[in-house]
Amino acid sequence: MTADALVRLAARWRQTLVEHQGVKGRCPRCRTAARCWEWAEAFGQLTVHDLLLPE
């Protein structure tokens, strides 16, 4: 994977975290209680690739 591709993926994962950030204990996009799978997957990918630091 090229560095450019990783930067684009990280931006998409960060956007997913923002879009699926819980409001009053629910995901506003998925309408599930607590954290949804979309948020968890994006968080996991950022963690695995050591990209969780703020930009």
PDB file of N, CA and C in Angstrom:
ATOM      1  N   MET A   1       0.848  -1.172   0.000  1.00  0.00           N
ATOM      2  CA  MET A   1       0.000   0.000   0.000  1.00  0.00           C
ATOM      3  C   MET A   1       0.893   1.234   0.000  1.00  0.00           C
ATOM      4  N   THR A   2       0.593   2.167  -0.870  1.00  0.00           N
ATOM      5  CA  THR A   2       1.402   3.381  -0.948  1.00  0.00           C
ATOM      6  C   THR A   2       1.026   4.335   0.179  1.00  0.00           C
ATOM      7  N   ALA A   3       1.904   5.264   0.433  1.00  0.00           N
ATOM      8  CA  ALA A   3       1.660   6.249   1.485  1.00  0.00           C
ATOM      9  C   ALA A   3       0.439   7.106   1.154  1.00  0.00           C
ATOM     10  N   ASP A   4       0.285   7.433  -0.123  1.00  0.00           N
ATOM     11  CA  ASP A   4      -0.862   8.245  -0.549  1.00  0.00           C
ATOM     12  C   ASP A   4      -2.180   7.508  -0.310  1.00  0.00           C
ATOM     13  N   ALA A   5      -2.200   6.230  -0.611  1.00  0.00           N
ATOM     14  CA  ALA A   5      -3.412   5.434  -0.392  1.00  0.00           C
ATOM     15  C   ALA A   5      -3.735   5.337   1.098  1.00  0.00           C
ATOM     16  N   LEU A   6      -2.717   5.205   1.921  1.00  0.00           N
ATOM     17  CA  LEU A   6      -2.931   5.125   3.366  1.00  0.00           C
ATOM     18  C   LEU A   6      -3.479   6.444   3.916  1.00  0.00           C
ATOM     19  N   VAL A   7      -3.004   7.551   3.383  1.00  0.00           N
ATOM     20  CA  VAL A   7      -3.511   8.860   3.805  1.00  0.00           C
ATOM     21  C   VAL A   7      -4.984   8.992   3.442  1.00  0.00           C
ATOM     22  N   ARG A   8      -5.369   8.546   2.251  1.00  0.00           N
ATOM     23  CA  ARG A   8      -6.774   8.620   1.825  1.00  0.00           C
ATOM     24  C   ARG A   8      -7.643   7.708   2.694  1.00  0.00           C
ATOM     25  N   LEU A   9      -7.156   6.512   2.989  1.00  0.00           N
ATOM     26  CA  LEU A   9      -7.908   5.596   3.850  1.00  0.00           C
ATOM     27  C   LEU A   9      -8.069   6.170   5.256  1.00  0.00           C
ATOM     28  N   ALA A  10      -7.008   6.741   5.793  1.00  0.00           N
ATOM     29  CA  ALA A  10      -7.076   7.327   7.129  1.00  0.00           C
ATOM     30  C   ALA A  10      -8.097   8.461   7.166  1.00  0.00           C
ATOM     31  N   ALA A  11      -8.149   9.265   6.127  1.00  0.00           N
ATOM     32  CA  ALA A  11      -9.127  10.351   6.072  1.00  0.00           C
ATOM     33  C   ALA A  11     -10.545   9.786   6.046  1.00  0.00           C
ATOM     34  N   ARG A  12     -10.744   8.710   5.304  1.00  0.00           N
ATOM     35  CA  ARG A  12     -12.070   8.094   5.248  1.00  0.00           C
ATOM     36  C   ARG A  12     -12.448   7.490   6.590  1.00  0.00           C
ATOM     37  N   TRP A  13     -11.487   6.843   7.277  1.00  0.00           N
ATOM     38  CA  TRP A  13     -11.759   6.264   8.587  1.00  0.00           C
ATOM     39  C   TRP A  13     -12.089   7.353   9.600  1.00  0.00           C
ATOM     40  N   ARG A  14     -11.357   8.467   9.545  1.00  0.00           N
ATOM     41  CA  ARG A  14     -11.644   9.580  10.461  1.00  0.00           C
ATOM     42  C   ARG A  14     -13.036  10.153  10.194  1.00  0.00           C
ATOM     43  N   GLN A  15     -13.413  10.261   8.932  1.00  0.00           N
ATOM     44  CA  GLN A  15     -14.745  10.754   8.585  1.00  0.00           C
ATOM     45  C   GLN A  15     -15.822   9.805   9.112  1.00  0.00           C
ATOM     46  N   THR A  16     -15.562   8.514   9.035  1.00  0.00           N
ATOM     47  CA  THR A  16     -16.508   7.528   9.566  1.00  0.00           C
ATOM     48  C   THR A  16     -16.671   7.702  11.070  1.00  0.00           C
ATOM     49  N   LEU A  17     -15.566   7.950  11.788  1.00  0.00           N
ATOM     50  CA  LEU A  17     -15.659   8.180  13.230  1.00  0.00           C
ATOM     51  C   LEU A  17     -16.544   9.379  13.533  1.00  0.00           C
ATOM     52  N   VAL A  18     -16.406  10.434  12.751  1.00  0.00           N
ATOM     53  CA  VAL A  18     -17.205  11.638  12.965  1.00  0.00           C
ATOM     54  C   VAL A  18     -18.677  11.368  12.663  1.00  0.00           C
ATOM     55  N   GLU A  19     -18.947  10.713  11.540  1.00  0.00           N
ATOM     56  CA  GLU A  19     -20.325  10.460  11.123  1.00  0.00           C
ATOM     57  C   GLU A  19     -21.067   9.521  12.078  1.00  0.00           C
ATOM     58  N   HIS A  20     -20.349   8.604  12.698  1.00  0.00           N
ATOM     59  CA  HIS A  20     -20.971   7.593  13.551  1.00  0.00           C
ATOM     60  C   HIS A  20     -20.737   7.868  15.038  1.00  0.00           C
ATOM     61  N   GLN A  21     -20.317   9.088  15.380  1.00  0.00           N
ATOM     62  CA  GLN A  21     -20.106   9.450  16.778  1.00  0.00           C
ATOM     63  C   GLN A  21     -21.443   9.431  17.510  1.00  0.00           C
ATOM     64  N   GLY A  22     -21.494   8.722  18.605  1.00  0.00           N
ATOM     65  CA  GLY A  22     -22.744   8.549  19.347  1.00  0.00           C
ATOM     66  C   GLY A  22     -23.326   9.852  19.875  1.00  0.00           C
ATOM     67  N   VAL A  23     -24.647   9.944  19.816  1.00  0.00           N
ATOM     68  CA  VAL A  23     -25.387  11.068  20.371  1.00  0.00           C
ATOM     69  C   VAL A  23     -26.456  10.492  21.295  1.00  0.00           C
ATOM     70  N   LYS A  24     -26.372  10.863  22.569  1.00  0.00           N
ATOM     71  CA  LYS A  24     -27.302  10.349  23.570  1.00  0.00           C
ATOM     72  C   LYS A  24     -27.333   8.816  23.582  1.00  0.00           C
ATOM     73  N   GLY A  25     -26.154   8.211  23.429  1.00  0.00           N
ATOM     74  CA  GLY A  25     -26.043   6.759  23.526  1.00  0.00           C
ATOM     75  C   GLY A  25     -26.429   5.984  22.281  1.00  0.00           C
ATOM     76  N   ARG A  26     -26.628   6.672  21.146  1.00  0.00           N
ATOM     77  CA  ARG A  26     -27.013   5.983  19.909  1.00  0.00           C
ATOM     78  C   ARG A  26     -26.201   6.522  18.740  1.00  0.00           C
ATOM     79  N   CYS A  27     -25.989   5.680  17.758  1.00  0.00           N
ATOM     80  CA  CYS A  27     -25.333   6.102  16.529  1.00  0.00           C
ATOM     81  C   CYS A  27     -26.371   6.833  15.667  1.00  0.00           C
ATOM     82  N   PRO A  28     -26.092   8.076  15.254  1.00  0.00           N
ATOM     83  CA  PRO A  28     -27.071   8.821  14.469  1.00  0.00           C
ATOM     84  C   PRO A  28     -27.294   8.256  13.065  1.00  0.00           C
ATOM     85  N   ARG A  29     -26.317   7.550  12.517  1.00  0.00           N
ATOM     86  CA  ARG A  29     -26.467   6.981  11.167  1.00  0.00           C
ATOM     87  C   ARG A  29     -27.101   5.603  11.195  1.00  0.00           C
ATOM     88  N   CYS A  30     -26.622   4.741  12.103  1.00  0.00           N
ATOM     89  CA  CYS A  30     -27.100   3.349  12.145  1.00  0.00           C
ATOM     90  C   CYS A  30     -28.283   3.164  13.095  1.00  0.00           C
ATOM     91  N   ARG A  31     -28.453   4.102  14.006  1.00  0.00           N
ATOM     92  CA  ARG A  31     -29.520   4.054  15.017  1.00  0.00           C
ATOM     93  C   ARG A  31     -29.386   2.865  15.969  1.00  0.00           C
ATOM     94  N   THR A  32     -28.161   2.406  16.164  1.00  0.00           N
ATOM     95  CA  THR A  32     -27.936   1.325  17.121  1.00  0.00           C
ATOM     96  C   THR A  32     -27.540   1.921  18.462  1.00  0.00           C
ATOM     97  N   ALA A  33     -27.772   1.178  19.517  1.00  0.00           N
ATOM     98  CA  ALA A  33     -27.373   1.628  20.843  1.00  0.00           C
ATOM     99  C   ALA A  33     -25.856   1.538  20.968  1.00  0.00           C
ATOM    100  N   ALA A  34     -25.277   2.465  21.673  1.00  0.00           N
ATOM    101  CA  ALA A  34     -23.839   2.509  21.930  1.00  0.00           C
ATOM    102  C   ALA A  34     -23.051   2.655  20.630  1.00  0.00           C
ATOM    103  N   ARG A  35     -21.922   1.980  20.521  1.00  0.00           N
ATOM    104  CA  ARG A  35     -21.073   2.080  19.331  1.00  0.00           C
ATOM    105  C   ARG A  35     -21.549   1.100  18.256  1.00  0.00           C
ATOM    106  N   CYS A  36     -21.531   1.544  17.021  1.00  0.00           N
ATOM    107  CA  CYS A  36     -21.936   0.670  15.921  1.00  0.00           C
ATOM    108  C   CYS A  36     -20.695   0.000  15.322  1.00  0.00           C
ATOM    109  N   TRP A  37     -20.932  -0.968  14.445  1.00  0.00           N
ATOM    110  CA  TRP A  37     -19.826  -1.695  13.812  1.00  0.00           C
ATOM    111  C   TRP A  37     -19.013  -0.802  12.892  1.00  0.00           C
ATOM    112  N   GLU A  38     -19.643   0.145  12.228  1.00  0.00           N
ATOM    113  CA  GLU A  38     -18.908   1.061  11.334  1.00  0.00           C
ATOM    114  C   GLU A  38     -17.875   1.865  12.134  1.00  0.00           C
ATOM    115  N   TRP A  39     -18.314   2.411  13.269  1.00  0.00           N
ATOM    116  CA  TRP A  39     -17.412   3.179  14.117  1.00  0.00           C
ATOM    117  C   TRP A  39     -16.289   2.280  14.630  1.00  0.00           C
ATOM    118  N   ALA A  40     -16.640   1.093  15.101  1.00  0.00           N
ATOM    119  CA  ALA A  40     -15.647   0.170  15.658  1.00  0.00           C
ATOM    120  C   ALA A  40     -14.615  -0.242  14.616  1.00  0.00           C
ATOM    121  N   GLU A  41     -15.053  -0.487  13.392  1.00  0.00           N
ATOM    122  CA  GLU A  41     -14.115  -0.879  12.341  1.00  0.00           C
ATOM    123  C   GLU A  41     -13.157   0.260  12.008  1.00  0.00           C
ATOM    124  N   ALA A  42     -13.671   1.473  11.881  1.00  0.00           N
ATOM    125  CA  ALA A  42     -12.815   2.622  11.583  1.00  0.00           C
ATOM    126  C   ALA A  42     -11.816   2.857  12.720  1.00  0.00           C
ATOM    127  N   PHE A  43     -12.281   2.769  13.958  1.00  0.00           N
ATOM    128  CA  PHE A  43     -11.403   2.945  15.109  1.00  0.00           C
ATOM    129  C   PHE A  43     -10.319   1.869  15.117  1.00  0.00           C
ATOM    130  N   GLY A  44     -10.710   0.646  14.850  1.00  0.00           N
ATOM    131  CA  GLY A  44      -9.756  -0.455  14.815  1.00  0.00           C
ATOM    132  C   GLY A  44      -8.701  -0.285  13.741  1.00  0.00           C
ATOM    133  N   GLN A  45      -9.112   0.128  12.561  1.00  0.00           N
ATOM    134  CA  GLN A  45      -8.160   0.332  11.460  1.00  0.00           C
ATOM    135  C   GLN A  45      -7.171   1.448  11.802  1.00  0.00           C
ATOM    136  N   LEU A  46      -7.661   2.538  12.358  1.00  0.00           N
ATOM    137  CA  LEU A  46      -6.764   3.630  12.752  1.00  0.00           C
ATOM    138  C   LEU A  46      -5.793   3.174  13.838  1.00  0.00           C
ATOM    139  N   THR A  47      -6.264   2.341  14.755  1.00  0.00           N
ATOM    140  CA  THR A  47      -5.409   1.833  15.827  1.00  0.00           C
ATOM    141  C   THR A  47      -4.347   0.885  15.280  1.00  0.00           C
ATOM    142  N   VAL A  48      -4.761  -0.044  14.443  1.00  0.00           N
ATOM    143  CA  VAL A  48      -3.830  -1.033  13.884  1.00  0.00           C
ATOM    144  C   VAL A  48      -2.722  -0.365  13.074  1.00  0.00           C
ATOM    145  N   HIS A  49      -3.081   0.656  12.320  1.00  0.00           N
ATOM    146  CA  HIS A  49      -2.101   1.341  11.478  1.00  0.00           C
ATOM    147  C   HIS A  49      -1.401   2.481  12.208  1.00  0.00           C
ATOM    148  N   ASP A  50      -1.641   2.583  13.532  1.00  0.00           N
ATOM    149  CA  ASP A  50      -1.006   3.603  14.379  1.00  0.00           C
ATOM    150  C   ASP A  50      -1.271   5.009  13.844  1.00  0.00           C
ATOM    151  N   LEU A  51      -2.510   5.265  13.447  1.00  0.00           N
ATOM    152  CA  LEU A  51      -2.884   6.559  12.881  1.00  0.00           C
ATOM    153  C   LEU A  51      -3.920   7.283  13.744  1.00  0.00           C
ATOM    154  N   LEU A  52      -4.076   6.865  14.984  1.00  0.00           N
ATOM    155  CA  LEU A  52      -5.127   7.415  15.826  1.00  0.00           C
ATOM    156  C   LEU A  52      -4.782   8.780  16.407  1.00  0.00           C
ATOM    157  N   LEU A  53      -3.571   9.233  16.219  1.00  0.00           N
ATOM    158  CA  LEU A  53      -3.182  10.542  16.733  1.00  0.00           C
ATOM    159  C   LEU A  53      -3.946  11.639  16.007  1.00  0.00           C
ATOM    160  N   PRO A  54      -4.239  12.749  16.700  1.00  0.00           N
ATOM    161  CA  PRO A  54      -4.938  13.851  16.032  1.00  0.00           C
ATOM    162  C   PRO A  54      -4.105  14.454  14.923  1.00  0.00           C
ATOM    163  N   GLU A  55      -4.782  14.963  13.930  1.00  0.00           N
ATOM    164  CA  GLU A  55      -4.062  15.566  12.796  1.00  0.00           C
ATOM    165  C   GLU A  55      -3.677  16.987  13.107  1.00  0.00           C
TER     166      GLU A  55
END
